[in-house]
Amino acid sequence: MSYTKLGRILAFGVCIFLLTACGAPTPTPAPTPTPVPPTAIKTIGRTKGNPDAQVTLVVYADFQCPHSRRYWRDLETMVERDFVETGKISYTYKYFPVIDGDRIGESHWAAYAAECANEQGKFWEYRDKLYAEWFGENSGAYLRDNLKKYAAELKLDTQKFNACLDSDRYATLVLEHLIEALQIKLPGTPTFLV
């Protein structure tokens, strides 16, 4: 598969995003994209793929956003198979918890939990579990007891995971991702930067 096909797939994803993204205001004509300088992307996300690839795909997503979940379900497997696993791109996941609005809630807690799973080398598996278990915005899928249950189902060390989650250890990291997304004026989730 060529970079042209990746471009078409990402363009399709961006079109879907512009039409349906979480956190987006009332539909208006799509603006002309403004390039985001690489220096604007300062925080570290969870990355896989070829670190020396010429192309880096960064996705800002919210575990509660139905459109982020749709991207995960419908397109991400193909992107990973055809571009990440073949070493053509580097792929980074970042948090943009827009569903919570101006409060700390399920979107934030899910992000904290994903980072706690990362401490045990299971970020991607836990992230997949979060999307698979989601059943609606602020519906309780990402309450702390459920997040702990998902860790147990993935056979993580639950004592370590639970202590990590209860400590809100990753609140600052998630806030940094959120601030970065707002500073570069991302309109909603998912947003893709290439």
N, C-alpha and C. Protein backbone atom coordinates (compact mmCIF):
# COMPACT_ATOMS: atom_id res chain seq x y z
N MET A 1 0.86 -1.17 0.00
CA MET A 1 0.00 0.00 0.00
C MET A 1 0.89 1.23 0.00
N SER A 2 0.51 2.24 -0.75
CA SER A 2 1.34 3.43 -0.91
C SER A 2 0.91 4.54 0.05
N TYR A 3 1.78 5.57 0.11
CA TYR A 3 1.43 6.74 0.92
C TYR A 3 0.22 7.45 0.33
N THR A 4 0.01 7.32 -1.00
CA THR A 4 -1.16 7.93 -1.62
C THR A 4 -2.43 7.31 -1.03
N LYS A 5 -2.43 5.99 -0.86
CA LYS A 5 -3.60 5.34 -0.27
C LYS A 5 -3.79 5.79 1.17
N LEU A 6 -2.68 5.93 1.93
CA LEU A 6 -2.78 6.43 3.30
C LEU A 6 -3.38 7.83 3.29
N GLY A 7 -2.94 8.65 2.35
CA GLY A 7 -3.49 10.00 2.25
C GLY A 7 -4.98 9.98 1.98
N ARG A 8 -5.42 9.10 1.09
CA ARG A 8 -6.86 9.00 0.79
C ARG A 8 -7.64 8.54 2.02
N ILE A 9 -7.09 7.56 2.73
CA ILE A 9 -7.76 7.04 3.91
C ILE A 9 -7.86 8.11 4.98
N LEU A 10 -6.76 8.83 5.20
CA LEU A 10 -6.78 9.89 6.20
C LEU A 10 -7.70 11.02 5.77
N ALA A 11 -7.73 11.34 4.47
CA ALA A 11 -8.64 12.38 3.99
C ALA A 11 -10.09 11.96 4.25
N PHE A 12 -10.40 10.68 4.01
CA PHE A 12 -11.74 10.17 4.30
C PHE A 12 -12.04 10.32 5.78
N GLY A 13 -11.08 9.92 6.62
CA GLY A 13 -11.26 10.04 8.07
C GLY A 13 -11.46 11.47 8.50
N VAL A 14 -10.70 12.39 7.91
CA VAL A 14 -10.83 13.81 8.26
C VAL A 14 -12.20 14.32 7.83
N CYS A 15 -12.68 13.90 6.67
CA CYS A 15 -14.01 14.33 6.22
C CYS A 15 -15.08 13.84 7.19
N ILE A 16 -14.99 12.58 7.59
CA ILE A 16 -15.94 12.04 8.55
C ILE A 16 -15.82 12.82 9.85
N PHE A 17 -14.58 13.08 10.28
CA PHE A 17 -14.36 13.84 11.50
C PHE A 17 -15.00 15.22 11.42
N LEU A 18 -14.79 15.92 10.32
CA LEU A 18 -15.32 17.27 10.21
C LEU A 18 -16.84 17.28 10.25
N LEU A 19 -17.43 16.19 9.82
CA LEU A 19 -18.89 16.11 9.83
C LEU A 19 -19.46 15.69 11.18
N THR A 20 -18.68 14.93 11.96
CA THR A 20 -19.29 14.31 13.13
C THR A 20 -18.47 14.38 14.40
N ALA A 21 -17.41 15.10 14.45
CA ALA A 21 -16.49 15.04 15.59
C ALA A 21 -17.12 15.45 16.91
N CYS A 22 -16.69 14.79 17.97
CA CYS A 22 -17.13 15.14 19.32
C CYS A 22 -16.52 16.47 19.69
N GLY A 23 -17.31 17.30 20.31
CA GLY A 23 -16.81 18.58 20.74
C GLY A 23 -16.88 19.65 19.67
N ALA A 24 -17.25 19.27 18.46
CA ALA A 24 -17.32 20.25 17.38
C ALA A 24 -18.57 21.11 17.54
N PRO A 25 -18.48 22.38 17.18
CA PRO A 25 -19.65 23.24 17.26
C PRO A 25 -20.67 22.88 16.20
N THR A 26 -21.77 23.61 16.16
CA THR A 26 -22.79 23.40 15.15
C THR A 26 -22.14 23.35 13.78
N PRO A 27 -22.56 22.41 12.90
CA PRO A 27 -21.89 22.25 11.61
C PRO A 27 -21.80 23.57 10.83
N THR A 28 -20.61 23.80 10.34
CA THR A 28 -20.33 24.95 9.48
C THR A 28 -19.44 24.46 8.36
N PRO A 29 -19.27 25.25 7.30
CA PRO A 29 -18.36 24.81 6.25
C PRO A 29 -16.98 24.52 6.82
N ALA A 30 -16.35 23.48 6.33
CA ALA A 30 -15.03 23.09 6.82
C ALA A 30 -14.01 24.17 6.49
N PRO A 31 -13.22 24.58 7.48
CA PRO A 31 -12.20 25.58 7.22
C PRO A 31 -11.02 24.99 6.45
N THR A 32 -10.25 25.84 5.83
CA THR A 32 -9.03 25.39 5.19
C THR A 32 -8.07 24.97 6.28
N PRO A 33 -7.54 23.74 6.21
CA PRO A 33 -6.65 23.28 7.27
C PRO A 33 -5.43 24.19 7.42
N THR A 34 -5.09 24.47 8.65
CA THR A 34 -3.89 25.24 8.94
C THR A 34 -2.82 24.26 9.38
N PRO A 35 -1.68 24.25 8.70
CA PRO A 35 -0.64 23.32 9.11
C PRO A 35 -0.21 23.59 10.55
N VAL A 36 0.00 22.54 11.29
CA VAL A 36 0.45 22.65 12.67
C VAL A 36 1.95 22.39 12.66
N PRO A 37 2.75 23.38 13.07
CA PRO A 37 4.20 23.15 13.06
C PRO A 37 4.57 22.06 14.06
N PRO A 38 5.53 21.21 13.70
CA PRO A 38 5.92 20.13 14.62
C PRO A 38 6.32 20.64 16.00
N THR A 39 6.80 21.85 16.10
CA THR A 39 7.20 22.38 17.40
C THR A 39 6.00 22.62 18.31
N ALA A 40 4.78 22.67 17.75
CA ALA A 40 3.58 22.87 18.56
C ALA A 40 3.20 21.61 19.32
N ILE A 41 3.67 20.47 18.85
CA ILE A 41 3.34 19.19 19.46
C ILE A 41 4.46 18.85 20.43
N LYS A 42 4.24 19.13 21.70
CA LYS A 42 5.31 19.03 22.68
C LYS A 42 5.16 17.86 23.64
N THR A 43 3.95 17.43 23.91
CA THR A 43 3.78 16.38 24.91
C THR A 43 4.07 15.02 24.29
N ILE A 44 4.35 14.07 25.14
CA ILE A 44 4.64 12.71 24.71
C ILE A 44 3.37 11.89 24.83
N GLY A 45 3.05 11.15 23.78
CA GLY A 45 1.91 10.25 23.81
C GLY A 45 2.40 8.81 23.76
N ARG A 46 1.51 7.89 23.60
CA ARG A 46 1.86 6.49 23.45
C ARG A 46 2.12 6.25 21.96
N THR A 47 3.32 5.79 21.64
CA THR A 47 3.73 5.67 20.24
C THR A 47 4.13 4.24 19.91
N LYS A 48 3.79 3.84 18.69
CA LYS A 48 4.26 2.56 18.16
C LYS A 48 4.57 2.74 16.69
N GLY A 49 5.27 1.77 16.14
CA GLY A 49 5.69 1.86 14.75
C GLY A 49 7.16 2.23 14.65
N ASN A 50 7.56 2.61 13.47
CA ASN A 50 8.95 2.94 13.17
C ASN A 50 9.28 4.34 13.68
N PRO A 51 10.14 4.47 14.71
CA PRO A 51 10.47 5.80 15.23
C PRO A 51 11.22 6.65 14.21
N ASP A 52 11.80 6.02 13.19
CA ASP A 52 12.53 6.75 12.15
C ASP A 52 11.71 6.97 10.89
N ALA A 53 10.43 6.66 10.94
CA ALA A 53 9.57 6.80 9.75
C ALA A 53 9.50 8.27 9.33
N GLN A 54 9.33 8.49 8.04
CA GLN A 54 9.21 9.85 7.52
C GLN A 54 7.86 10.47 7.84
N VAL A 55 6.88 9.62 8.16
CA VAL A 55 5.53 10.10 8.44
C VAL A 55 5.16 9.71 9.87
N THR A 56 4.63 10.69 10.60
CA THR A 56 4.11 10.43 11.94
C THR A 56 2.63 10.80 11.94
N LEU A 57 1.80 9.91 12.38
CA LEU A 57 0.37 10.16 12.53
C LEU A 57 0.08 10.30 14.01
N VAL A 58 -0.47 11.45 14.41
CA VAL A 58 -0.85 11.69 15.80
C VAL A 58 -2.36 11.80 15.84
N VAL A 59 -3.00 11.03 16.71
CA VAL A 59 -4.45 11.12 16.88
C VAL A 59 -4.73 11.62 18.29
N TYR A 60 -5.57 12.64 18.38
CA TYR A 60 -6.08 13.13 19.66
C TYR A 60 -7.49 12.59 19.77
N ALA A 61 -7.75 11.85 20.85
CA ALA A 61 -9.04 11.18 20.96
C ALA A 61 -9.56 11.22 22.39
N ASP A 62 -10.85 10.92 22.50
CA ASP A 62 -11.54 10.84 23.78
C ASP A 62 -12.18 9.46 23.83
N PHE A 63 -11.90 8.69 24.87
CA PHE A 63 -12.46 7.34 24.97
C PHE A 63 -13.97 7.33 24.95
N GLN A 64 -14.62 8.42 25.35
CA GLN A 64 -16.08 8.48 25.36
C GLN A 64 -16.67 8.98 24.05
N CYS A 65 -15.86 9.48 23.16
CA CYS A 65 -16.37 10.05 21.91
C CYS A 65 -16.78 8.91 20.96
N PRO A 66 -18.03 8.89 20.52
CA PRO A 66 -18.44 7.81 19.61
C PRO A 66 -17.69 7.83 18.29
N HIS A 67 -17.19 9.00 17.88
CA HIS A 67 -16.46 9.11 16.61
C HIS A 67 -15.02 8.62 16.77
N SER A 68 -14.45 8.83 17.94
CA SER A 68 -13.13 8.25 18.22
C SER A 68 -13.25 6.73 18.22
N ARG A 69 -14.32 6.22 18.80
CA ARG A 69 -14.54 4.78 18.83
C ARG A 69 -14.76 4.24 17.41
N ARG A 70 -15.51 4.99 16.61
CA ARG A 70 -15.75 4.55 15.23
C ARG A 70 -14.44 4.48 14.46
N TYR A 71 -13.57 5.46 14.64
CA TYR A 71 -12.25 5.42 13.98
C TYR A 71 -11.50 4.17 14.44
N TRP A 72 -11.48 3.93 15.76
CA TRP A 72 -10.79 2.76 16.29
C TRP A 72 -11.36 1.47 15.68
N ARG A 73 -12.67 1.38 15.60
CA ARG A 73 -13.33 0.18 15.12
C ARG A 73 -13.18 -0.03 13.61
N ASP A 74 -13.32 1.06 12.84
CA ASP A 74 -13.43 0.92 11.39
C ASP A 74 -12.14 1.17 10.61
N LEU A 75 -11.27 2.04 11.09
CA LEU A 75 -10.10 2.41 10.28
C LEU A 75 -8.76 2.06 10.91
N GLU A 76 -8.68 2.09 12.22
CA GLU A 76 -7.37 1.95 12.83
C GLU A 76 -6.71 0.61 12.53
N THR A 77 -7.44 -0.47 12.49
CA THR A 77 -6.86 -1.77 12.20
C THR A 77 -6.15 -1.76 10.86
N MET A 78 -6.77 -1.14 9.86
CA MET A 78 -6.15 -1.06 8.54
C MET A 78 -4.91 -0.17 8.57
N VAL A 79 -4.98 0.96 9.27
CA VAL A 79 -3.82 1.86 9.37
C VAL A 79 -2.66 1.12 10.04
N GLU A 80 -2.96 0.41 11.12
CA GLU A 80 -1.91 -0.34 11.81
C GLU A 80 -1.33 -1.43 10.91
N ARG A 81 -2.19 -2.21 10.29
CA ARG A 81 -1.73 -3.33 9.46
C ARG A 81 -0.89 -2.85 8.28
N ASP A 82 -1.39 -1.84 7.56
CA ASP A 82 -0.74 -1.43 6.32
C ASP A 82 0.37 -0.41 6.49
N PHE A 83 0.40 0.32 7.60
CA PHE A 83 1.38 1.39 7.73
C PHE A 83 2.24 1.30 8.98
N VAL A 84 1.65 0.99 10.13
CA VAL A 84 2.44 0.91 11.37
C VAL A 84 3.28 -0.36 11.37
N GLU A 85 2.64 -1.50 11.16
CA GLU A 85 3.34 -2.78 11.22
C GLU A 85 4.37 -2.94 10.11
N THR A 86 4.21 -2.25 9.00
CA THR A 86 5.17 -2.33 7.90
C THR A 86 6.30 -1.32 8.06
N GLY A 87 6.23 -0.50 9.11
CA GLY A 87 7.30 0.46 9.38
C GLY A 87 7.23 1.74 8.57
N LYS A 88 6.11 1.97 7.87
CA LYS A 88 6.00 3.17 7.04
C LYS A 88 5.70 4.42 7.84
N ILE A 89 5.03 4.25 9.00
CA ILE A 89 4.70 5.42 9.82
C ILE A 89 4.94 5.13 11.29
N SER A 90 5.02 6.21 12.02
CA SER A 90 5.01 6.17 13.48
C SER A 90 3.61 6.66 13.89
N TYR A 91 3.02 6.02 14.89
CA TYR A 91 1.65 6.31 15.27
C TYR A 91 1.59 6.67 16.75
N THR A 92 1.04 7.85 17.06
CA THR A 92 0.99 8.32 18.44
C THR A 92 -0.45 8.61 18.84
N TYR A 93 -0.82 8.17 20.03
CA TYR A 93 -2.15 8.38 20.61
C TYR A 93 -2.04 9.39 21.74
N LYS A 94 -2.90 10.43 21.72
CA LYS A 94 -2.93 11.44 22.77
C LYS A 94 -4.37 11.64 23.24
N TYR A 95 -4.48 12.16 24.46
CA TYR A 95 -5.78 12.34 25.09
C TYR A 95 -6.32 13.75 24.87
N PHE A 96 -7.59 13.81 24.49
CA PHE A 96 -8.31 15.09 24.36
C PHE A 96 -9.70 14.85 24.95
N PRO A 97 -9.84 14.86 26.27
CA PRO A 97 -11.09 14.50 26.93
C PRO A 97 -12.17 15.58 26.84
N VAL A 98 -12.75 15.74 25.65
CA VAL A 98 -13.73 16.80 25.41
C VAL A 98 -15.10 16.50 26.00
N ILE A 99 -15.48 15.25 26.11
CA ILE A 99 -16.81 14.90 26.59
C ILE A 99 -17.02 15.38 28.03
N ASP A 100 -15.96 15.37 28.83
CA ASP A 100 -16.09 15.81 30.22
C ASP A 100 -16.37 17.31 30.34
N GLY A 101 -16.12 18.07 29.28
CA GLY A 101 -16.34 19.51 29.37
C GLY A 101 -15.38 20.14 30.36
N ASP A 102 -15.90 20.93 31.28
CA ASP A 102 -15.04 21.63 32.22
C ASP A 102 -14.94 20.93 33.57
N ARG A 103 -15.17 19.63 33.60
CA ARG A 103 -15.08 18.87 34.84
C ARG A 103 -14.20 17.64 34.63
N ILE A 104 -13.81 17.03 35.71
CA ILE A 104 -13.07 15.76 35.64
C ILE A 104 -14.10 14.65 35.76
N GLY A 105 -14.13 13.76 34.79
CA GLY A 105 -15.11 12.68 34.80
C GLY A 105 -14.59 11.46 34.08
N GLU A 106 -15.50 10.73 33.46
CA GLU A 106 -15.17 9.44 32.87
C GLU A 106 -14.10 9.50 31.78
N SER A 107 -14.09 10.54 30.97
CA SER A 107 -13.06 10.64 29.92
C SER A 107 -11.67 10.75 30.54
N HIS A 108 -11.56 11.57 31.58
CA HIS A 108 -10.28 11.71 32.26
C HIS A 108 -9.89 10.40 32.96
N TRP A 109 -10.84 9.80 33.69
CA TRP A 109 -10.53 8.58 34.44
C TRP A 109 -10.08 7.46 33.50
N ALA A 110 -10.71 7.36 32.32
CA ALA A 110 -10.29 6.35 31.35
C ALA A 110 -8.86 6.60 30.89
N ALA A 111 -8.52 7.86 30.67
CA ALA A 111 -7.15 8.19 30.25
C ALA A 111 -6.16 7.86 31.37
N TYR A 112 -6.51 8.19 32.61
CA TYR A 112 -5.63 7.85 33.74
C TYR A 112 -5.41 6.33 33.77
N ALA A 113 -6.50 5.59 33.60
CA ALA A 113 -6.42 4.12 33.65
C ALA A 113 -5.54 3.57 32.53
N ALA A 114 -5.65 4.15 31.34
CA ALA A 114 -4.82 3.69 30.22
C ALA A 114 -3.34 3.88 30.55
N GLU A 115 -3.02 4.99 31.21
CA GLU A 115 -1.63 5.22 31.60
C GLU A 115 -1.20 4.25 32.70
N CYS A 116 -2.10 3.93 33.61
CA CYS A 116 -1.77 2.93 34.64
C CYS A 116 -1.50 1.58 34.00
N ALA A 117 -2.27 1.22 32.98
CA ALA A 117 -2.02 -0.02 32.25
C ALA A 117 -0.69 0.05 31.53
N ASN A 118 -0.34 1.23 31.04
CA ASN A 118 0.94 1.40 30.36
C ASN A 118 2.12 1.09 31.29
N GLU A 119 1.95 1.37 32.59
CA GLU A 119 3.01 1.04 33.55
C GLU A 119 3.34 -0.45 33.52
N GLN A 120 2.38 -1.26 33.10
CA GLN A 120 2.58 -2.71 33.00
C GLN A 120 2.75 -3.17 31.56
N GLY A 121 3.03 -2.21 30.67
CA GLY A 121 3.27 -2.54 29.26
C GLY A 121 2.03 -2.92 28.49
N LYS A 122 0.85 -2.49 28.95
CA LYS A 122 -0.41 -2.91 28.33
C LYS A 122 -1.27 -1.73 27.88
N PHE A 123 -0.65 -0.62 27.49
CA PHE A 123 -1.44 0.52 27.06
C PHE A 123 -2.37 0.17 25.92
N TRP A 124 -1.85 -0.39 24.84
CA TRP A 124 -2.65 -0.62 23.63
C TRP A 124 -3.76 -1.62 23.89
N GLU A 125 -3.47 -2.66 24.67
CA GLU A 125 -4.50 -3.65 24.98
C GLU A 125 -5.60 -3.03 25.83
N TYR A 126 -5.21 -2.21 26.80
CA TYR A 126 -6.19 -1.57 27.67
C TYR A 126 -7.00 -0.55 26.88
N ARG A 127 -6.35 0.19 26.02
CA ARG A 127 -7.06 1.15 25.18
C ARG A 127 -8.12 0.44 24.34
N ASP A 128 -7.75 -0.70 23.76
CA ASP A 128 -8.72 -1.49 22.98
C ASP A 128 -9.88 -1.95 23.86
N LYS A 129 -9.57 -2.35 25.07
CA LYS A 129 -10.62 -2.80 26.01
C LYS A 129 -11.58 -1.65 26.33
N LEU A 130 -11.03 -0.45 26.53
CA LEU A 130 -11.88 0.70 26.82
C LEU A 130 -12.86 0.96 25.68
N TYR A 131 -12.37 0.98 24.46
CA TYR A 131 -13.27 1.21 23.33
C TYR A 131 -14.28 0.08 23.18
N ALA A 132 -13.86 -1.15 23.42
CA ALA A 132 -14.77 -2.29 23.28
C ALA A 132 -15.88 -2.26 24.34
N GLU A 133 -15.59 -1.74 25.52
CA GLU A 133 -16.55 -1.73 26.62
C GLU A 133 -17.44 -0.50 26.66
N TRP A 134 -17.16 0.49 25.86
CA TRP A 134 -17.90 1.75 25.90
C TRP A 134 -19.35 1.54 25.47
N PHE A 135 -20.29 2.12 26.20
CA PHE A 135 -21.70 1.98 25.81
C PHE A 135 -22.47 3.28 25.94
N GLY A 136 -21.80 4.40 25.87
CA GLY A 136 -22.48 5.69 25.86
C GLY A 136 -21.77 6.71 26.73
N GLU A 137 -21.94 7.96 26.37
CA GLU A 137 -21.31 9.05 27.10
C GLU A 137 -21.83 9.12 28.53
N ASN A 138 -20.89 9.19 29.47
CA ASN A 138 -21.20 9.31 30.89
C ASN A 138 -22.24 8.29 31.36
N SER A 139 -22.11 7.08 30.84
CA SER A 139 -23.05 6.01 31.16
C SER A 139 -22.54 5.10 32.27
N GLY A 140 -21.34 5.37 32.77
CA GLY A 140 -20.78 4.54 33.83
C GLY A 140 -19.75 3.54 33.36
N ALA A 141 -19.54 3.42 32.05
CA ALA A 141 -18.56 2.46 31.53
C ALA A 141 -17.17 2.72 32.08
N TYR A 142 -16.86 4.00 32.37
CA TYR A 142 -15.52 4.35 32.82
C TYR A 142 -15.49 4.84 34.26
N LEU A 143 -16.43 4.39 35.07
CA LEU A 143 -16.32 4.63 36.50
C LEU A 143 -15.14 3.81 37.02
N ARG A 144 -14.56 4.26 38.10
CA ARG A 144 -13.32 3.63 38.58
C ARG A 144 -13.46 2.13 38.83
N ASP A 145 -14.59 1.68 39.38
CA ASP A 145 -14.76 0.24 39.62
C ASP A 145 -14.73 -0.55 38.31
N ASN A 146 -15.34 0.00 37.27
CA ASN A 146 -15.30 -0.68 35.97
C ASN A 146 -13.90 -0.68 35.38
N LEU A 147 -13.19 0.43 35.51
CA LEU A 147 -11.82 0.51 35.00
C LEU A 147 -10.94 -0.54 35.68
N LYS A 148 -11.15 -0.74 36.96
CA LYS A 148 -10.40 -1.76 37.70
C LYS A 148 -10.80 -3.16 37.24
N LYS A 149 -12.07 -3.35 36.96
CA LYS A 149 -12.54 -4.66 36.47
C LYS A 149 -11.89 -4.98 35.12
N TYR A 150 -11.80 -3.98 34.24
CA TYR A 150 -11.16 -4.21 32.93
C TYR A 150 -9.70 -4.61 33.10
N ALA A 151 -9.01 -3.98 34.06
CA ALA A 151 -7.61 -4.33 34.32
C ALA A 151 -7.51 -5.79 34.77
N ALA A 152 -8.42 -6.21 35.63
CA ALA A 152 -8.42 -7.60 36.10
C ALA A 152 -8.68 -8.56 34.93
N GLU A 153 -9.60 -8.20 34.05
CA GLU A 153 -9.91 -9.05 32.90
C GLU A 153 -8.72 -9.18 31.96
N LEU A 154 -7.87 -8.15 31.91
CA LEU A 154 -6.66 -8.21 31.08
C LEU A 154 -5.48 -8.83 31.84
N LYS A 155 -5.75 -9.31 33.05
CA LYS A 155 -4.75 -9.97 33.88
C LYS A 155 -3.58 -9.06 34.25
N LEU A 156 -3.88 -7.79 34.47
CA LEU A 156 -2.87 -6.88 34.99
C LEU A 156 -2.70 -7.12 36.48
N ASP A 157 -1.61 -6.66 37.04
CA ASP A 157 -1.42 -6.71 38.49
C ASP A 157 -2.39 -5.69 39.07
N THR A 158 -3.52 -6.17 39.58
CA THR A 158 -4.59 -5.27 40.00
C THR A 158 -4.22 -4.43 41.22
N GLN A 159 -3.38 -4.96 42.08
CA GLN A 159 -2.97 -4.16 43.23
C GLN A 159 -2.21 -2.91 42.77
N LYS A 160 -1.27 -3.09 41.86
CA LYS A 160 -0.51 -1.94 41.32
C LYS A 160 -1.42 -1.02 40.51
N PHE A 161 -2.25 -1.62 39.66
CA PHE A 161 -3.13 -0.83 38.82
C PHE A 161 -4.08 0.01 39.68
N ASN A 162 -4.73 -0.62 40.65
CA ASN A 162 -5.70 0.09 41.48
C ASN A 162 -5.05 1.22 42.27
N ALA A 163 -3.85 0.98 42.80
CA ALA A 163 -3.14 2.03 43.53
C ALA A 163 -2.81 3.19 42.60
N CYS A 164 -2.40 2.88 41.39
CA CYS A 164 -2.09 3.92 40.40
C CYS A 164 -3.35 4.73 40.08
N LEU A 165 -4.44 4.05 39.78
CA LEU A 165 -5.67 4.74 39.40
C LEU A 165 -6.20 5.58 40.56
N ASP A 166 -6.19 5.04 41.75
CA ASP A 166 -6.71 5.77 42.91
C ASP A 166 -5.88 7.01 43.25
N SER A 167 -4.62 7.01 42.82
CA SER A 167 -3.74 8.14 43.12
C SER A 167 -3.89 9.31 42.15
N ASP A 168 -4.60 9.10 41.03
CA ASP A 168 -4.69 10.12 39.96
C ASP A 168 -3.30 10.55 39.50
N ARG A 169 -2.39 9.61 39.49
CA ARG A 169 -0.99 9.85 39.14
C ARG A 169 -0.81 10.52 37.78
N TYR A 170 -1.71 10.25 36.85
CA TYR A 170 -1.53 10.76 35.49
C TYR A 170 -2.42 11.95 35.16
N ALA A 171 -2.97 12.57 36.17
CA ALA A 171 -3.82 13.75 35.94
C ALA A 171 -3.06 14.85 35.22
N THR A 172 -1.82 15.08 35.60
CA THR A 172 -1.02 16.15 34.98
C THR A 172 -0.75 15.84 33.52
N LEU A 173 -0.39 14.59 33.21
CA LEU A 173 -0.12 14.22 31.82
C LEU A 173 -1.36 14.43 30.95
N VAL A 174 -2.50 13.98 31.42
CA VAL A 174 -3.74 14.13 30.64
C VAL A 174 -4.07 15.61 30.47
N LEU A 175 -3.87 16.40 31.51
CA LEU A 175 -4.09 17.84 31.42
C LEU A 175 -3.14 18.47 30.40
N GLU A 176 -1.90 18.03 30.36
CA GLU A 176 -0.94 18.55 29.38
C GLU A 176 -1.41 18.27 27.95
N HIS A 177 -1.91 17.05 27.71
CA HIS A 177 -2.43 16.71 26.38
C HIS A 177 -3.62 17.62 26.04
N LEU A 178 -4.51 17.80 27.00
CA LEU A 178 -5.70 18.64 26.79
C LEU A 178 -5.29 20.08 26.47
N ILE A 179 -4.38 20.63 27.24
CA ILE A 179 -3.92 22.01 27.00
C ILE A 179 -3.27 22.13 25.63
N GLU A 180 -2.45 21.14 25.27
CA GLU A 180 -1.81 21.17 23.96
C GLU A 180 -2.86 21.18 22.85
N ALA A 181 -3.87 20.32 22.96
CA ALA A 181 -4.92 20.26 21.94
C ALA A 181 -5.65 21.58 21.83
N LEU A 182 -5.91 22.22 22.96
CA LEU A 182 -6.59 23.53 22.94
C LEU A 182 -5.69 24.61 22.38
N GLN A 183 -4.40 24.57 22.69
CA GLN A 183 -3.47 25.58 22.19
C GLN A 183 -3.32 25.52 20.68
N ILE A 184 -3.36 24.32 20.12
CA ILE A 184 -3.25 24.23 18.65
C ILE A 184 -4.64 24.24 17.99
N LYS A 185 -5.65 24.57 18.81
CA LYS A 185 -7.01 24.81 18.34
C LYS A 185 -7.65 23.64 17.61
N LEU A 186 -7.50 22.44 18.20
CA LEU A 186 -8.16 21.28 17.61
C LEU A 186 -9.66 21.42 17.84
N PRO A 187 -10.45 21.11 16.82
CA PRO A 187 -11.90 21.36 16.92
C PRO A 187 -12.68 20.28 17.66
N GLY A 188 -12.14 19.10 17.85
CA GLY A 188 -12.89 18.03 18.49
C GLY A 188 -12.14 16.72 18.36
N THR A 189 -12.83 15.63 18.63
CA THR A 189 -12.20 14.32 18.55
C THR A 189 -12.95 13.39 17.60
N PRO A 190 -12.25 12.53 16.92
CA PRO A 190 -10.79 12.44 16.86
C PRO A 190 -10.25 13.50 15.91
N THR A 191 -9.05 13.96 16.18
CA THR A 191 -8.33 14.84 15.27
C THR A 191 -7.03 14.15 14.90
N PHE A 192 -6.69 14.20 13.63
CA PHE A 192 -5.50 13.54 13.12
C PHE A 192 -4.51 14.59 12.62
N LEU A 193 -3.28 14.47 13.05
CA LEU A 193 -2.21 15.33 12.54
C LEU A 193 -1.18 14.42 11.88
N VAL A 194 -0.76 14.81 10.68
CA VAL A 194 0.24 14.01 9.95
C VAL A 194 1.50 14.83 9.84
